[in-house]
Protein backbone atom coordinates (compact mmCIF):
# COMPACT_ATOMS: atom_id res chain seq x y z
CA UNK A 1 -10.14 51.04 65.62
CA UNK A 2 -6.86 49.61 66.88
CA UNK A 3 -3.57 49.94 65.05
CA UNK A 4 -2.94 47.18 62.55
CA UNK A 5 0.45 46.65 64.06
CA UNK A 6 -1.05 45.57 67.38
CA UNK A 7 -4.19 43.51 66.74
CA UNK A 8 -6.66 43.60 69.58
CA UNK A 9 -6.94 39.82 69.65
CA UNK A 10 -3.21 39.30 70.00
CA UNK A 11 -2.04 38.76 73.57
CA UNK A 12 1.03 40.36 75.01
CA UNK A 13 4.01 39.04 73.13
CA UNK A 14 1.73 37.59 70.44
CA UNK A 15 3.24 39.76 67.76
CA UNK A 16 6.65 38.21 68.32
CA UNK A 17 5.13 34.72 68.50
CA UNK A 18 3.30 35.41 65.24
CA UNK A 19 6.41 36.52 63.38
CA UNK A 20 8.35 33.55 64.78
CA UNK A 21 5.73 31.21 63.36
CA UNK A 22 5.65 32.95 59.98
CA UNK A 23 9.44 32.82 59.74
CA UNK A 24 9.44 29.15 60.74
CA UNK A 25 6.67 28.48 58.22
CA UNK A 26 8.68 30.04 55.40
CA UNK A 27 11.85 28.23 56.50
CA UNK A 28 10.19 24.82 56.80
CA UNK A 29 8.35 25.25 53.50
CA UNK A 30 11.58 26.13 51.75
CA UNK A 31 13.43 23.22 53.37
CA UNK A 32 10.60 20.87 52.44
CA UNK A 33 10.59 22.01 48.82
CA UNK A 34 14.39 22.02 48.75
CA UNK A 35 14.37 18.39 49.85
CA UNK A 36 12.42 17.57 46.69
CA UNK A 37 14.86 19.21 44.27
CA UNK A 38 17.32 16.29 43.91
CA UNK A 39 14.74 13.57 44.60
CA UNK A 40 11.42 14.27 42.86
CA UNK A 41 12.76 14.00 39.28
CA UNK A 42 14.24 10.60 40.15
CA UNK A 43 10.96 9.41 41.66
CA UNK A 44 9.00 10.58 38.61
CA UNK A 45 11.43 8.76 36.32
CA UNK A 46 11.15 5.62 38.45
CA UNK A 47 7.35 5.68 38.28
CA UNK A 48 7.60 6.33 34.53
CA UNK A 49 9.45 3.05 34.10
CA UNK A 50 12.85 4.67 33.69
CA UNK A 51 11.74 6.70 30.64
CA UNK A 52 13.44 10.11 30.99
CA UNK A 53 11.41 11.69 28.18
CA UNK A 54 8.15 10.57 29.78
CA UNK A 55 9.35 11.83 33.15
CA UNK A 56 10.03 15.24 31.60
CA UNK A 57 6.53 15.36 30.12
CA UNK A 58 4.95 14.41 33.44
CA UNK A 59 6.99 17.11 35.21
CA UNK A 60 5.49 19.71 32.89
CA UNK A 61 2.01 18.30 33.58
CA UNK A 62 2.62 18.61 37.33
CA UNK A 63 3.81 22.22 37.02
CA UNK A 64 0.93 23.30 34.80
CA UNK A 65 -1.66 21.55 36.97
CA UNK A 66 -0.33 23.23 40.10
CA UNK A 67 -0.38 26.61 38.37
CA UNK A 68 -3.98 26.16 37.22
CA UNK A 69 -5.12 25.28 40.73
CA UNK A 70 -3.31 28.33 42.10
CA UNK A 71 -4.90 30.56 39.47
CA UNK A 72 -8.40 29.59 40.54
CA UNK A 73 -7.96 28.94 44.27
CA UNK A 74 -5.56 31.76 45.25
CA UNK A 75 -8.23 34.52 45.23
CA UNK A 76 -10.71 32.27 47.06
CA UNK A 77 -8.27 31.52 49.89
CA UNK A 78 -7.22 35.17 50.07
CA UNK A 79 -10.82 36.31 50.44
CA UNK A 80 -11.41 33.56 53.00
CA UNK A 81 -8.51 34.80 55.13
CA UNK A 82 -10.03 38.31 55.10
CA UNK A 83 -13.35 36.89 56.29
CA UNK A 84 -12.39 34.30 58.94
CA UNK A 85 -8.79 35.29 59.75
CA UNK A 86 -5.31 34.29 58.64
CA UNK A 87 -4.72 31.46 61.11
CA UNK A 88 -7.34 28.98 59.80
CA UNK A 89 -6.20 29.45 56.21
CA UNK A 90 -2.55 28.98 57.16
CA UNK A 91 -3.41 25.76 58.97
CA UNK A 92 -5.43 24.54 55.97
CA UNK A 93 -2.52 25.28 53.65
CA UNK A 94 -0.02 23.46 55.83
CA UNK A 95 -2.37 20.47 56.08
CA UNK A 96 -2.63 20.31 52.29
CA UNK A 97 1.14 20.54 51.92
CA UNK A 98 1.73 17.72 54.40
CA UNK A 99 -0.78 15.52 52.55
CA UNK A 100 0.97 16.26 49.25
CA UNK A 101 4.29 15.07 50.69
CA UNK A 102 2.60 11.91 51.94
CA UNK A 103 1.20 11.30 48.46
CA UNK A 104 4.77 11.57 47.14
CA UNK A 105 6.03 9.21 49.82
CA UNK A 106 3.49 6.46 49.13
CA UNK A 107 2.25 7.07 45.56
CA UNK A 108 2.20 3.79 43.59
CA UNK A 109 1.66 5.55 40.24
CA UNK A 110 2.18 8.91 38.58
CA UNK A 111 -1.56 9.54 38.75
CA UNK A 112 -1.36 9.51 42.55
CA UNK A 113 1.44 12.07 42.36
CA UNK A 114 -0.78 14.21 40.14
CA UNK A 115 -3.61 13.98 42.69
CA UNK A 116 -1.21 15.26 45.34
CA UNK A 117 -0.26 18.20 43.13
CA UNK A 118 -3.93 19.05 42.63
CA UNK A 119 -4.55 18.96 46.37
CA UNK A 120 -1.49 21.09 47.11
CA UNK A 121 -2.31 23.60 44.37
CA UNK A 122 -5.84 24.01 45.71
CA UNK A 123 -4.70 24.70 49.28
CA UNK A 124 -1.27 26.33 48.75
CA UNK A 125 -1.70 29.75 50.30
CA UNK A 126 0.94 29.63 53.01
CA UNK A 127 3.18 32.30 51.53
CA UNK A 128 0.42 34.66 50.40
CA UNK A 129 -1.50 34.35 53.68
CA UNK A 130 1.75 34.70 55.63
CA UNK A 131 2.37 37.95 53.76
CA UNK A 132 -1.11 39.18 54.73
CA UNK A 133 -0.38 38.14 58.34
CA UNK A 134 2.83 40.17 58.38
CA UNK A 135 1.01 43.16 56.88
CA UNK A 136 -1.51 42.88 59.75
CA UNK A 137 1.10 42.98 62.50
CA UNK A 138 3.70 45.31 60.99
CA UNK A 139 3.52 49.10 60.53
CA UNK A 140 3.68 50.12 56.84
CA UNK A 141 7.12 51.72 57.20
CA UNK A 142 8.64 48.44 58.46
CA UNK A 143 6.95 45.99 56.09
CA UNK A 144 9.64 45.93 53.41
CA UNK A 145 12.27 45.01 56.00
CA UNK A 146 10.06 42.24 57.41
CA UNK A 147 9.31 40.89 53.94
CA UNK A 148 13.07 40.85 53.41
CA UNK A 149 13.48 38.65 56.48
CA UNK A 150 10.88 36.33 54.97
CA UNK A 151 13.03 36.10 51.86
CA UNK A 152 16.02 35.09 53.96
CA UNK A 153 14.01 32.18 55.36
CA UNK A 154 13.53 30.86 51.84
CA UNK A 155 17.22 31.27 51.10
CA UNK A 156 18.13 29.35 54.25
CA UNK A 157 15.69 26.63 53.28
CA UNK A 158 17.08 26.21 49.81
CA UNK A 159 20.58 25.94 51.22
CA UNK A 160 19.63 23.15 53.61
CA UNK A 161 16.87 21.37 51.70
CA UNK A 162 18.76 19.89 48.74
CA UNK A 163 21.56 18.69 51.04
CA UNK A 164 19.07 16.98 53.35
CA UNK A 165 17.17 15.50 50.41
CA UNK A 166 20.29 14.14 48.76
CA UNK A 167 21.48 12.57 52.00
CA UNK A 168 18.14 11.01 52.99
CA UNK A 169 17.39 9.78 49.49
CA UNK A 170 20.53 7.70 49.05
CA UNK A 171 18.91 4.51 50.29
CA UNK A 172 15.21 5.10 49.57
CA UNK A 173 13.73 7.84 47.39
CA UNK A 174 10.60 7.94 49.55
CA UNK A 175 12.32 8.83 52.84
CA UNK A 176 12.92 12.54 52.03
CA UNK A 177 9.20 13.05 51.40
CA UNK A 178 8.37 11.52 54.77
CA UNK A 179 10.86 13.93 56.35
CA UNK A 180 9.27 16.87 54.52
CA UNK A 181 5.80 15.75 55.66
CA UNK A 182 7.09 15.55 59.23
CA UNK A 183 8.54 19.06 59.11
CA UNK A 184 5.28 20.44 57.78
CA UNK A 185 3.28 18.57 60.43
CA UNK A 186 5.47 20.07 63.18
CA UNK A 187 4.80 23.53 61.78
CA UNK A 188 1.05 22.79 61.70
CA UNK A 189 1.11 21.74 65.35
CA UNK A 190 3.00 24.89 66.31
CA UNK A 191 0.47 26.98 64.45
CA UNK A 192 -2.47 25.18 66.01
CA UNK A 193 -1.28 25.48 69.60
CA UNK A 194 0.79 28.70 69.60
CA UNK A 195 -0.02 31.02 66.69
CA UNK A 196 -2.24 34.02 67.62
CA UNK A 197 -4.70 35.39 65.08
CA UNK A 198 -3.46 38.60 63.44
CA UNK A 199 -6.74 39.98 62.07
CA UNK A 200 -9.23 40.94 64.83
CA UNK A 201 -12.96 40.52 64.09
CA UNK A 202 -13.61 44.25 63.78
CA UNK A 203 -11.08 44.49 60.93
CA UNK A 204 -12.31 41.49 58.94
CA UNK A 205 -14.43 41.58 55.81
CA UNK A 206 -18.09 41.66 56.81
CA UNK A 207 -19.08 39.02 54.25
CA UNK A 208 -17.59 36.51 51.84
CA UNK A 209 -17.92 38.04 48.36
CA UNK A 210 -18.04 35.24 45.79
CA UNK A 211 -17.88 37.87 43.07
CA UNK A 212 -14.31 38.68 44.13
CA UNK A 213 -13.23 35.20 45.21
CA UNK A 214 -12.16 34.26 41.68
CA UNK A 215 -9.37 35.34 39.29
CA UNK A 216 -11.53 37.78 37.33
CA UNK A 217 -13.24 39.24 40.38
CA UNK A 218 -9.93 39.71 42.19
CA UNK A 219 -8.88 42.15 39.47
CA UNK A 220 -11.54 44.55 40.77
CA UNK A 221 -9.40 45.22 43.84
CA UNK A 222 -6.28 45.70 41.72
CA UNK A 223 -8.14 48.20 39.52
CA UNK A 224 -9.68 50.06 42.46
CA UNK A 225 -6.44 51.64 43.74
CA UNK A 226 -4.20 54.06 41.92
CA UNK A 227 -1.10 52.20 40.71
CA UNK A 228 -2.05 48.83 42.24
CA UNK A 229 -2.73 47.01 38.97
CA UNK A 230 0.57 48.12 37.37
CA UNK A 231 2.41 47.04 40.53
CA UNK A 232 0.72 43.66 40.30
CA UNK A 233 1.94 43.57 36.70
CA UNK A 234 5.50 44.17 37.91
CA UNK A 235 5.18 41.25 40.32
CA UNK A 236 3.75 39.03 37.59
CA UNK A 237 6.56 39.82 35.16
CA UNK A 238 9.17 39.13 37.83
CA UNK A 239 7.62 35.80 38.82
CA UNK A 240 7.14 34.86 35.17
CA UNK A 241 10.78 35.63 34.37
CA UNK A 242 12.04 33.84 37.47
CA UNK A 243 10.57 30.52 36.31
CA UNK A 244 13.42 30.34 33.79
CA UNK A 245 15.78 29.13 36.52
CA UNK A 246 13.90 26.03 37.70
CA UNK A 247 12.98 25.32 34.08
CA UNK A 248 16.40 25.37 32.38
CA UNK A 249 19.11 26.01 35.00
CA UNK A 250 20.34 22.42 35.35
CA UNK A 251 20.05 21.69 31.62
CA UNK A 252 21.68 25.00 30.68
CA UNK A 253 24.66 24.79 33.03
CA UNK A 254 25.37 21.11 32.37
CA UNK A 255 25.17 21.70 28.61
CA UNK A 256 27.16 24.93 28.40
CA UNK A 257 29.60 24.57 31.31
CA UNK A 258 29.60 20.78 31.80
CA UNK A 259 28.90 21.18 35.51
CA UNK A 260 28.56 18.02 37.58
CA UNK A 261 26.30 17.43 40.60
CA UNK A 262 28.94 18.69 43.01
CA UNK A 263 29.33 21.98 41.14
CA UNK A 264 25.57 22.39 40.95
CA UNK A 265 25.32 21.83 44.69
CA UNK A 266 28.02 24.40 45.42
CA UNK A 267 26.25 26.88 43.14
CA UNK A 268 22.99 26.38 45.06
CA UNK A 269 24.97 26.99 48.26
CA UNK A 270 26.56 30.18 46.90
CA UNK A 271 23.32 31.66 45.64
CA UNK A 272 21.54 30.73 48.86
CA UNK A 273 24.18 32.43 51.02
CA UNK A 274 24.05 35.55 48.84
CA UNK A 275 20.27 35.54 49.13
CA UNK A 276 20.46 35.40 52.91
CA UNK A 277 22.94 38.30 53.01
CA UNK A 278 20.74 40.49 50.80
CA UNK A 279 17.46 39.63 52.56
CA UNK A 280 18.68 39.85 56.14
CA UNK A 281 21.31 42.57 56.05
CA UNK A 282 20.73 44.77 52.99
CA UNK A 283 16.98 45.10 52.45
CA UNK A 284 16.23 46.97 55.69
CA UNK A 285 19.05 49.54 55.47
CA UNK A 286 18.48 50.07 51.75
CA UNK A 287 14.75 50.73 52.18
CA UNK A 288 15.50 53.06 55.11
CA UNK A 289 18.01 55.00 53.02
CA UNK A 290 16.41 55.22 49.57
CA UNK A 291 12.79 54.11 50.10
CA UNK A 292 10.69 51.24 48.82
CA UNK A 293 10.30 52.58 45.28
CA UNK A 294 14.02 53.01 44.60
CA UNK A 295 14.79 49.71 46.29
CA UNK A 296 12.33 48.02 43.93
CA UNK A 297 13.81 49.77 40.89
CA UNK A 298 17.34 48.84 41.95
CA UNK A 299 16.33 45.22 42.35
CA UNK A 300 14.63 45.10 38.95
CA UNK A 301 17.60 46.72 37.19
CA UNK A 302 20.10 44.40 38.89
CA UNK A 303 18.02 41.32 38.05
CA UNK A 304 17.64 42.32 34.39
CA UNK A 305 21.42 42.80 34.19
CA UNK A 306 22.03 39.56 36.08
CA UNK A 307 19.88 37.54 33.69
CA UNK A 308 21.61 39.13 30.69
CA UNK A 309 25.00 38.29 32.24
CA UNK A 310 23.97 34.67 32.81
CA UNK A 311 22.88 34.37 29.19
CA UNK A 312 26.09 35.95 27.90
CA UNK A 313 28.64 34.18 30.12
CA UNK A 314 30.46 31.56 28.08
CA UNK A 315 32.32 29.99 31.01
CA UNK A 316 31.23 28.78 34.40
CA UNK A 317 33.46 31.25 36.21
CA UNK A 318 31.95 34.18 34.32
CA UNK A 319 28.49 32.89 35.19
CA UNK A 320 29.36 32.81 38.90
CA UNK A 321 30.74 36.36 38.78
CA UNK A 322 27.22 37.55 38.00
CA UNK A 323 25.73 35.88 41.09
CA UNK A 324 26.31 38.82 43.52
CA UNK A 325 24.53 41.21 41.16
CA UNK A 326 21.67 38.79 40.55
CA UNK A 327 21.31 38.32 44.34
CA UNK A 328 19.94 41.88 44.48
CA UNK A 329 16.73 40.37 43.09
CA UNK A 330 16.04 39.96 46.81
CA UNK A 331 15.14 43.67 46.82
CA UNK A 332 12.18 43.21 44.48
CA UNK A 333 9.48 41.49 46.51
CA UNK A 334 10.09 43.36 49.80
CA UNK A 335 9.93 46.71 48.02
CA UNK A 336 6.95 45.65 45.92
CA UNK A 337 5.00 44.15 48.82
CA UNK A 338 5.71 47.21 50.94
CA UNK A 339 4.23 49.47 48.26
CA UNK A 340 1.23 47.25 47.50
CA UNK A 341 0.17 46.59 51.09
CA UNK A 342 0.07 50.35 51.75
CA UNK A 343 -2.69 50.68 49.16
CA UNK A 344 -5.29 48.40 50.74
CA UNK A 345 -7.10 48.19 54.06
CA UNK A 346 -6.58 45.46 56.69
CA UNK A 347 -9.64 43.48 55.57
CA UNK A 348 -8.33 43.47 51.98
CA UNK A 349 -4.78 42.23 52.59
CA UNK A 350 -5.75 38.60 52.01
CA UNK A 351 -7.63 39.48 48.83
CA UNK A 352 -4.58 41.36 47.58
CA UNK A 353 -2.28 38.43 48.25
CA UNK A 354 -4.78 36.03 46.68
CA UNK A 355 -4.86 38.12 43.51
CA UNK A 356 -1.06 38.14 43.43
CA UNK A 357 -1.03 34.38 43.91
CA UNK A 358 -3.44 33.92 41.02
CA UNK A 359 -1.07 35.90 38.78
CA UNK A 360 1.82 33.74 40.01
CA UNK A 361 -0.20 30.71 38.94
CA UNK A 362 -0.37 32.10 35.41
CA UNK A 363 3.40 32.61 35.44
CA UNK A 364 4.02 29.04 36.59
CA UNK A 365 1.86 27.81 33.70
CA UNK A 366 3.40 29.95 30.97
CA UNK A 367 7.02 30.05 32.16
CA UNK A 368 8.04 26.39 31.76
CA UNK A 369 6.43 26.24 28.30
CA UNK A 370 8.08 29.44 27.06
CA UNK A 371 11.55 28.94 28.47
CA UNK A 372 11.70 25.20 27.88
CA UNK A 373 10.71 25.64 24.25
CA UNK A 374 13.12 28.56 23.82
CA UNK A 375 16.00 26.46 25.12
CA UNK A 376 15.10 23.57 22.84
CA UNK A 377 14.89 25.90 19.82
CA UNK A 378 18.19 27.53 20.74
CA UNK A 379 19.97 24.17 20.70
CA UNK A 380 18.27 22.87 17.57
CA UNK A 381 18.37 26.08 15.57
CA UNK A 382 21.91 27.24 16.26
CA UNK A 383 20.84 30.16 18.45
CA UNK A 384 22.76 31.17 21.60
CA UNK A 385 22.06 28.68 24.42
CA UNK A 386 21.31 31.64 26.68
CA UNK A 387 18.22 32.56 24.62
CA UNK A 388 15.66 31.73 27.36
CA UNK A 389 17.67 33.69 29.90
CA UNK A 390 17.81 36.68 27.55
CA UNK A 391 14.01 36.47 27.30
CA UNK A 392 13.81 36.57 31.11
CA UNK A 393 16.04 39.65 31.10
CA UNK A 394 13.70 41.30 28.61
CA UNK A 395 10.72 40.64 30.89
CA UNK A 396 12.59 42.33 33.75
CA UNK A 397 13.31 45.37 31.54
CA UNK A 398 9.56 45.59 30.85
CA UNK A 399 8.87 45.31 34.59
CA UNK A 400 11.40 48.07 35.30
CA UNK A 401 9.72 50.37 32.79
CA UNK A 402 6.32 49.69 34.34
CA UNK A 403 7.64 50.25 37.86
CA UNK A 404 9.09 53.67 37.01
CA UNK A 405 5.58 54.97 36.47
CA UNK A 406 3.66 52.95 39.06
CA UNK A 407 5.93 52.38 42.04
CA UNK A 408 5.14 55.45 44.10
CA UNK A 409 3.91 55.46 47.68
CA UNK A 410 0.20 56.45 47.93
CA UNK A 411 -0.38 60.03 49.01
CA UNK A 412 -3.18 59.11 51.40
CA UNK A 413 -4.68 56.17 53.23
CA UNK A 414 -6.52 53.66 51.04
CA UNK A 415 -10.28 54.03 50.68
CA UNK A 416 -12.73 51.13 50.64
CA UNK A 417 -13.18 49.44 47.27
CA UNK A 418 -16.54 50.02 45.67
């Protein structure tokens, strides 16, 4: 058996080409999604006949629909990548994303937008399959650092995306979606012609197990390894809590601090730059110095404190002072992924990521409902406006408690699941 860090099917230099593609994939995906941030709500409102309340309701429908599709399809795509390889699934995911952007560009009604969300939710496995790809080509001791680099790609994308979207959308709201579709198509072409496969045939799953290619069946893998299910719980709580920001950030900061679009844009820029610094320059040295477990615990503690600070801050300047601490949330996923990928074999990496993606789908369903309702109740009932952010902080405290017991490196190599 060959080392997972150097797949037998990868030609000389293929490992570097593979990481370059994965980094570009993460960057282009983040830019593409960032382009939508200032534009999609306006398009939804336009298709809703200018009714802001209806646009808000449709936005929730889109988010919940996407989460449901992820919940059911994430394990299936993860298992598929273990059986036929990462490359075909990545190409399928990029194809679905490009089609979704085209639906947004040409949709005549909200129902067409919803169809695009269904298609994207069913095929969206680019990040989870990319994580499995990186686990294939990276030694266990270097995975946390590499996952940190992946995080920096997303930070770069969210710095550039909203700026590009705002600029392109000034004349026509549809143009940014065409640009996003073009970026995704370029990435698909690069993957089709250049990307080497990371999982050689001898390391693939020998069959496609329908019993595990579903949300319930995927839990069997999480239960089959010591500490894997609690670690998945840590990831779920973090992703669940993190949905508070896209759900209430704009409403919260404009209500409490009276921020305008310019201030919001500068805040996105600040948090993006801080995210890049943490992911590119701090994750690797921190993991090397204190290990994956302590890096994860540090990230969880900092994020819990950062959320609590955001909820407490009664001025915009105080809010921004908490941003450097909250940026340490960039430690969480690299440390967590490093620990989780050590616990499974090469032919199970896709299944692991699919199970994680299914849990993320649950978070994207529950998060907007919980935090949106909490913010509404806070304003109507005289409670602190930071109530939903305090709830997010509480979820991170629970994740920290869970991680203390579960986040330990396995003592031996993983054994096949029964």
